Amino acid sequence: MATLNQHIMSRRGFCLCCMAATTVAATGGWLSPRQAFAEARNIVDLIRDDAAKAAIKVHKLRDNVSVFEGSGGNIAVMTGADGKVFIDAGITASRPRILEAANGLSRDPVSHLINTHWHFDHTDGNQWLNAEGAAIIAHENTHKHLLVAQRVEDWDFNFPSPPLSAVPTETFSSDKVLKLNRSTLLLKYYGPAHTDSDLSVTIPEADIFHCGDTYWNGIYPFIDYSTGGNIDGMIKAAEANVVAVTDKTIVIPGHGNPVSNKAELSAYRDMLVAIRDNIGKLKQQGRSLDDAIAAKPTAAFDAKWGQFLITPAFFTRLVYEGV
């Protein structure tokens, strides 16, 4: 069990790792996310408590771009004369360590924050980054979701609406181009995928591509049907991601190892397609959800992708819901 817990904690890119480790230790086995949330009195406090202690690991990529691992989703940071640009905000409790890591890159002030989607583990730091000077940019659906309370049904959890200072003030519906720090940032909306608010950020000068939670590197992804996500949209986004990059592109996933590439992205796409097709066939045969789980339609991929909080059984349920 110690080995499994070490594996979990080594993948701190997923903000629920702390709870996964706690529930494994307490129960001797994996819980579904719904069961795990029931074990925690307040998941938000639990995530914040973990983020308050977690180290921030800095991966320097190319040119003036780095990625921070250790606070919710993977955070990209661009430095330069126009100020620091953050792609995703992580968890508020990480603020001192994120600032320390960011100031270790440069003393540029914070000027912009881009949210890749609305989820808590990518937007909880919005308020403090706005207080540091960041204009918050996101798809219009992220703006919509952060204006009101949100329920994630598959987590059995209600998120309150954040303060207005945490809500994006610059929004777009399809594409947006920013020119900052002698670089171009191309923001592109996917359509419904992980949620209905996902966007990618391409930095062509550095050949870096941040695709948020449309890509989970080495782990089964969560799909939030409560706010517009679906498996077909995830596959469509994965296919678009593969087309958008070359063998030389540095790919930043929302979760998992934060420095990835086209080969790993392609393997992720292939995994999604194969499992969707397997479960689709079972559902066409009239198999119930329990029957589909018992048939182990993810078995060929579990050793690589199923060793984290989104278990093979839970991922089967997510895909079953959408096929």
Protein backbone atom coordinates (compact mmCIF):
# COMPACT_ATOMS: atom_id res chain seq x y z
CA MET A 1 0.00 0.00 0.00
CA ALA A 2 2.91 2.36 0.66
CA THR A 3 3.96 2.02 -2.96
CA LEU A 4 0.47 2.91 -4.17
CA ASN A 5 0.29 5.92 -1.89
CA GLN A 6 3.70 7.12 -3.13
CA HIS A 7 2.41 6.75 -6.69
CA ILE A 8 -0.66 8.78 -5.87
CA MET A 9 1.26 11.58 -4.24
CA SER A 10 3.76 11.69 -7.10
CA ARG A 11 0.88 12.71 -9.37
CA ARG A 12 -0.01 15.83 -7.46
CA GLY A 13 -1.22 17.40 -10.70
CA PHE A 14 -4.70 16.17 -9.81
CA CYS A 15 -6.00 18.21 -6.89
CA LEU A 16 -7.89 15.27 -5.35
CA CYS A 17 -4.72 13.24 -4.80
CA CYS A 18 -4.74 14.11 -1.12
CA MET A 19 -8.18 12.61 -0.67
CA ALA A 20 -7.32 9.56 -2.74
CA ALA A 21 -4.38 8.81 -0.49
CA THR A 22 -6.49 9.38 2.62
CA THR A 23 -9.29 7.09 1.51
CA VAL A 24 -6.95 4.34 0.31
CA ALA A 25 -5.16 4.38 3.65
CA ALA A 26 -8.42 4.39 5.59
CA THR A 27 -10.28 1.72 3.65
CA GLY A 28 -7.56 -0.46 2.14
CA GLY A 29 -8.95 0.07 -1.35
CA TRP A 30 -10.26 2.52 -3.92
CA LEU A 31 -13.54 4.36 -3.40
CA SER A 32 -15.65 5.86 -6.12
CA PRO A 33 -15.44 9.68 -6.18
CA ARG A 34 -18.99 9.81 -4.74
CA GLN A 35 -17.95 7.53 -1.85
CA ALA A 36 -14.73 9.42 -1.35
CA PHE A 37 -16.53 12.75 -1.18
CA ALA A 38 -18.88 11.24 1.41
CA GLU A 39 -15.81 10.40 3.51
CA ALA A 40 -14.73 14.04 3.56
CA ARG A 41 -16.69 16.60 5.54
CA ASN A 42 -15.76 19.33 3.08
CA ILE A 43 -13.79 18.51 -0.07
CA VAL A 44 -12.96 22.15 -0.70
CA ASP A 45 -11.34 22.48 2.74
CA LEU A 46 -9.50 19.20 2.21
CA ILE A 47 -8.07 20.37 -1.12
CA ARG A 48 -7.09 23.70 0.40
CA ASP A 49 -5.43 21.98 3.34
CA ASP A 50 -3.37 19.83 0.98
CA ALA A 51 -2.47 22.79 -1.24
CA ALA A 52 -1.36 24.73 1.84
CA LYS A 53 1.40 22.14 2.37
CA ALA A 54 2.24 20.92 -1.14
CA ALA A 55 5.49 22.01 -2.77
CA ILE A 56 5.31 23.72 -6.16
CA LYS A 57 7.56 22.05 -8.70
CA VAL A 58 8.77 24.31 -11.51
CA HIS A 59 9.42 22.89 -14.97
CA LYS A 60 11.15 25.39 -17.25
CA LEU A 61 10.06 24.76 -20.82
CA ARG A 62 11.13 27.03 -23.69
CA ASP A 63 11.85 30.74 -24.00
CA ASN A 64 10.01 32.54 -21.19
CA VAL A 65 7.44 29.81 -20.43
CA SER A 66 7.39 27.45 -17.43
CA VAL A 67 4.82 25.14 -15.88
CA PHE A 68 4.03 24.78 -12.16
CA GLU A 69 2.98 21.42 -10.74
CA GLY A 70 1.44 20.99 -7.29
CA SER A 71 -1.68 23.14 -6.99
CA GLY A 72 -4.76 21.80 -8.74
CA GLY A 73 -4.32 21.71 -12.49
CA ASN A 74 -0.97 22.32 -14.17
CA ILE A 75 -0.27 26.08 -14.32
CA ALA A 76 1.72 27.63 -17.17
CA VAL A 77 3.50 30.94 -16.53
CA MET A 78 4.94 33.29 -19.15
CA THR A 79 7.26 36.10 -18.03
CA GLY A 80 8.19 39.34 -19.76
CA ALA A 81 7.96 43.11 -19.90
CA ASP A 82 4.17 43.00 -20.25
CA GLY A 83 3.92 41.16 -16.93
CA LYS A 84 3.48 37.55 -15.93
CA VAL A 85 0.76 35.65 -17.74
CA PHE A 86 -0.76 32.69 -15.87
CA ILE A 87 -2.66 29.91 -17.61
CA ASP A 88 -4.88 28.57 -14.82
CA ALA A 89 -4.83 29.62 -11.19
CA GLY A 90 -4.57 26.53 -9.00
CA ILE A 91 -5.71 26.52 -5.38
CA THR A 92 -5.71 29.67 -3.23
CA ALA A 93 -3.92 28.00 -0.31
CA SER A 94 -0.86 27.59 -2.58
CA ARG A 95 -0.53 31.34 -3.01
CA PRO A 96 2.75 31.81 -1.04
CA ARG A 97 4.51 28.98 -2.85
CA ILE A 98 3.13 29.96 -6.27
CA LEU A 99 4.33 33.53 -5.75
CA GLU A 100 7.71 32.30 -4.59
CA ALA A 101 8.02 30.09 -7.67
CA ALA A 102 6.83 32.86 -9.98
CA ASN A 103 9.20 35.43 -8.46
CA GLY A 104 12.01 32.92 -8.89
CA LEU A 105 11.42 33.19 -12.64
CA SER A 106 11.33 37.00 -12.76
CA ARG A 107 10.20 40.05 -10.80
CA ASP A 108 7.66 41.01 -13.46
CA PRO A 109 4.25 41.88 -11.99
CA VAL A 110 1.26 39.64 -12.65
CA SER A 111 -0.80 41.06 -15.52
CA HIS A 112 -3.03 38.36 -17.04
CA LEU A 113 -4.71 35.10 -16.10
CA ILE A 114 -6.32 32.70 -18.58
CA ASN A 115 -8.71 30.04 -17.25
CA THR A 116 -8.84 26.88 -19.38
CA HIS A 117 -12.30 26.08 -17.88
CA TRP A 118 -14.41 26.79 -14.80
CA HIS A 119 -13.50 23.93 -12.42
CA PHE A 120 -12.37 24.78 -8.90
CA ASP A 121 -8.91 23.24 -9.25
CA HIS A 122 -8.17 25.67 -12.11
CA THR A 123 -9.95 28.82 -10.88
CA ASP A 124 -9.76 28.84 -7.07
CA GLY A 125 -6.77 31.19 -7.25
CA ASN A 126 -8.58 33.69 -9.49
CA GLN A 127 -9.35 36.13 -6.69
CA TRP A 128 -5.82 36.49 -5.35
CA LEU A 129 -4.29 36.66 -8.84
CA ASN A 130 -6.77 39.40 -9.69
CA ALA A 131 -5.67 41.22 -6.53
CA GLU A 132 -2.07 40.90 -7.77
CA GLY A 133 -3.12 42.71 -10.96
CA ALA A 134 -4.28 39.97 -13.31
CA ALA A 135 -7.01 40.62 -15.84
CA ILE A 136 -8.95 37.32 -16.03
CA ILE A 137 -9.69 35.93 -19.49
CA ALA A 138 -11.84 32.87 -20.23
CA HIS A 139 -14.52 31.44 -22.46
CA GLU A 140 -17.95 32.96 -21.92
CA ASN A 141 -19.22 29.70 -20.37
CA THR A 142 -16.55 29.88 -17.66
CA HIS A 143 -17.85 33.36 -16.90
CA LYS A 144 -21.40 31.99 -16.80
CA HIS A 145 -20.53 29.12 -14.45
CA LEU A 146 -18.51 31.26 -12.03
CA LEU A 147 -21.32 33.79 -11.67
CA VAL A 148 -23.55 31.30 -9.86
CA ALA A 149 -23.30 28.23 -7.63
CA GLN A 150 -22.54 25.00 -9.49
CA ARG A 151 -23.27 21.36 -8.70
CA VAL A 152 -21.03 18.58 -10.02
CA GLU A 153 -23.39 15.63 -9.83
CA ASP A 154 -20.82 12.87 -10.22
CA TRP A 155 -18.87 14.34 -7.31
CA ASP A 156 -22.06 14.89 -5.30
CA PHE A 157 -20.79 18.36 -4.46
CA ASN A 158 -22.10 21.94 -4.63
CA PHE A 159 -19.62 24.72 -5.36
CA PRO A 160 -20.67 28.21 -4.18
CA SER A 161 -20.30 31.14 -6.53
CA PRO A 162 -16.97 32.92 -5.98
CA PRO A 163 -16.54 36.65 -5.31
CA LEU A 164 -17.01 38.87 -8.37
CA SER A 165 -13.28 39.64 -8.35
CA ALA A 166 -12.70 35.97 -9.24
CA VAL A 167 -15.01 36.06 -12.26
CA PRO A 168 -13.41 36.58 -15.70
CA THR A 169 -13.92 40.06 -17.11
CA GLU A 170 -12.64 39.39 -20.64
CA THR A 171 -14.57 36.65 -22.43
CA PHE A 172 -14.94 35.28 -25.94
CA SER A 173 -17.13 32.75 -27.74
CA SER A 174 -14.83 31.06 -30.27
CA ASP A 175 -11.26 32.37 -30.64
CA LYS A 176 -9.14 35.12 -29.14
CA VAL A 177 -5.60 36.35 -29.87
CA LEU A 178 -3.39 38.04 -27.27
CA LYS A 179 -0.04 39.70 -28.00
CA LEU A 180 2.04 39.75 -24.83
CA ASN A 181 5.72 39.51 -23.95
CA ARG A 182 6.76 39.40 -27.62
CA SER A 183 4.65 36.27 -28.00
CA THR A 184 1.28 35.33 -29.42
CA LEU A 185 -1.28 33.48 -27.34
CA LEU A 186 -3.97 31.80 -29.41
CA LEU A 187 -7.05 30.92 -27.36
CA LYS A 188 -9.43 28.46 -28.98
CA TYR A 189 -12.74 27.08 -27.70
CA TYR A 190 -13.29 23.34 -28.08
CA GLY A 191 -17.05 23.09 -27.75
CA PRO A 192 -18.41 20.70 -25.12
CA ALA A 193 -15.65 18.30 -24.01
CA HIS A 194 -14.52 17.95 -20.37
CA THR A 195 -17.05 20.72 -19.63
CA ASP A 196 -18.78 23.19 -21.95
CA SER A 197 -16.12 25.83 -21.16
CA ASP A 198 -12.81 24.28 -22.23
CA LEU A 199 -10.22 26.19 -24.25
CA SER A 200 -6.67 25.60 -25.44
CA VAL A 201 -3.79 28.08 -25.42
CA THR A 202 -1.15 27.89 -28.15
CA ILE A 203 2.12 29.85 -27.95
CA PRO A 204 3.52 29.38 -31.48
CA GLU A 205 6.83 31.19 -30.95
CA ALA A 206 7.80 28.69 -28.23
CA ASP A 207 5.83 25.81 -29.81
CA ILE A 208 3.95 25.17 -26.55
CA PHE A 209 0.35 23.96 -26.34
CA HIS A 210 -1.73 23.98 -23.12
CA CYS A 211 -4.90 21.96 -23.56
CA GLY A 212 -6.30 22.02 -20.03
CA ASP A 213 -8.49 19.13 -18.92
CA THR A 214 -9.19 17.89 -22.42
CA TYR A 215 -5.98 15.88 -21.80
CA TRP A 216 -5.03 13.94 -18.65
CA ASN A 217 -1.55 12.54 -19.06
CA GLY A 218 -1.36 8.90 -17.95
CA ILE A 219 -4.66 8.83 -16.02
CA TYR A 220 -8.31 8.36 -16.91
CA PRO A 221 -10.03 11.75 -17.16
CA PHE A 222 -13.08 13.05 -15.36
CA ILE A 223 -15.95 14.15 -17.62
CA ASP A 224 -18.35 16.66 -16.09
CA TYR A 225 -21.76 15.95 -17.57
CA SER A 226 -23.29 18.41 -15.09
CA THR A 227 -21.83 21.34 -17.00
CA GLY A 228 -21.92 20.10 -20.56
CA GLY A 229 -19.10 17.58 -20.86
CA ASN A 230 -19.44 14.31 -22.77
CA ILE A 231 -17.23 11.47 -24.03
CA ASP A 232 -17.72 12.26 -27.72
CA GLY A 233 -16.69 15.85 -27.06
CA MET A 234 -13.60 14.65 -25.21
CA ILE A 235 -12.63 12.52 -28.20
CA LYS A 236 -13.28 15.37 -30.61
CA ALA A 237 -11.08 17.63 -28.48
CA ALA A 238 -8.35 14.97 -28.29
CA GLU A 239 -8.39 14.60 -32.07
CA ALA A 240 -8.15 18.38 -32.47
CA ASN A 241 -5.23 18.42 -30.02
CA VAL A 242 -3.30 15.80 -31.99
CA VAL A 243 -3.80 17.78 -35.21
CA ALA A 244 -2.73 21.02 -33.51
CA VAL A 245 0.75 19.85 -32.50
CA THR A 246 3.93 18.46 -34.07
CA ASP A 247 6.53 16.05 -32.75
CA LYS A 248 8.48 19.07 -31.45
CA THR A 249 5.58 20.71 -29.59
CA ILE A 250 5.63 20.74 -25.79
CA VAL A 251 2.14 19.74 -24.67
CA ILE A 252 0.86 20.77 -21.22
CA PRO A 253 -2.02 18.60 -19.96
CA GLY A 254 -4.50 19.67 -17.31
CA HIS A 255 -3.41 16.83 -15.01
CA GLY A 256 -0.68 14.22 -14.83
CA ASN A 257 2.95 14.70 -15.84
CA PRO A 258 2.94 18.37 -16.91
CA VAL A 259 5.44 18.07 -19.77
CA SER A 260 4.08 15.93 -22.58
CA ASN A 261 4.26 15.47 -26.35
CA LYS A 262 2.35 14.40 -29.45
CA ALA A 263 3.05 10.69 -29.02
CA GLU A 264 1.55 10.65 -25.52
CA LEU A 265 -1.34 12.82 -26.67
CA SER A 266 -2.05 10.38 -29.52
CA ALA A 267 -2.00 7.43 -27.12
CA TYR A 268 -4.53 9.24 -24.93
CA ARG A 269 -6.80 9.84 -27.94
CA ASP A 270 -6.54 6.19 -28.97
CA MET A 271 -7.41 5.05 -25.44
CA LEU A 272 -10.53 7.22 -25.35
CA VAL A 273 -11.73 5.96 -28.75
CA ALA A 274 -11.16 2.29 -27.92
CA ILE A 275 -12.94 2.46 -24.57
CA ARG A 276 -15.83 4.48 -26.01
CA ASP A 277 -16.26 1.88 -28.75
CA ASN A 278 -16.06 -1.04 -26.30
CA ILE A 279 -18.67 0.45 -23.99
CA GLY A 280 -20.84 1.56 -26.90
CA LYS A 281 -21.06 -2.03 -28.14
CA LEU A 282 -22.07 -3.24 -24.68
CA LYS A 283 -24.75 -0.60 -24.39
CA GLN A 284 -26.08 -1.43 -27.88
CA GLN A 285 -26.42 -5.04 -26.70
CA GLY A 286 -28.69 -3.83 -23.93
CA ARG A 287 -26.16 -4.40 -21.14
CA SER A 288 -26.86 -2.53 -17.92
CA LEU A 289 -24.25 -0.29 -16.35
CA ASP A 290 -23.39 -3.00 -13.81
CA ASP A 291 -23.05 -5.55 -16.61
CA ALA A 292 -20.83 -3.16 -18.57
CA ILE A 293 -18.56 -2.61 -15.55
CA ALA A 294 -18.38 -6.38 -14.96
CA ALA A 295 -17.30 -6.88 -18.60
CA LYS A 296 -14.18 -4.77 -17.90
CA PRO A 297 -14.21 -2.81 -21.18
CA THR A 298 -11.18 -0.79 -20.05
CA ALA A 299 -9.02 -3.80 -19.11
CA ALA A 300 -6.46 -3.37 -21.90
CA PHE A 301 -5.68 0.14 -20.63
CA ASP A 302 -6.04 -0.14 -16.86
CA ALA A 303 -2.39 -0.85 -16.04
CA LYS A 304 -1.32 2.43 -17.64
CA TRP A 305 -4.34 4.70 -17.19
CA GLY A 306 -6.38 3.27 -14.33
CA GLN A 307 -4.06 3.65 -11.35
CA PHE A 308 -5.46 6.89 -9.98
CA LEU A 309 -8.64 8.38 -8.54
CA ILE A 310 -10.71 7.90 -11.70
CA THR A 311 -10.87 4.13 -11.42
CA PRO A 312 -11.67 1.77 -14.32
CA ALA A 313 -15.17 1.21 -12.94
CA PHE A 314 -15.85 4.92 -12.50
CA PHE A 315 -14.49 5.78 -15.93
CA THR A 316 -16.68 3.05 -17.43
CA ARG A 317 -19.67 4.71 -15.77
CA LEU A 318 -18.72 8.11 -17.15
CA VAL A 319 -18.36 6.79 -20.69
CA TYR A 320 -21.52 4.65 -20.42
CA GLU A 321 -23.50 7.76 -19.51
CA GLY A 322 -22.49 9.43 -22.77
CA VAL A 323 -22.64 6.70 -25.43
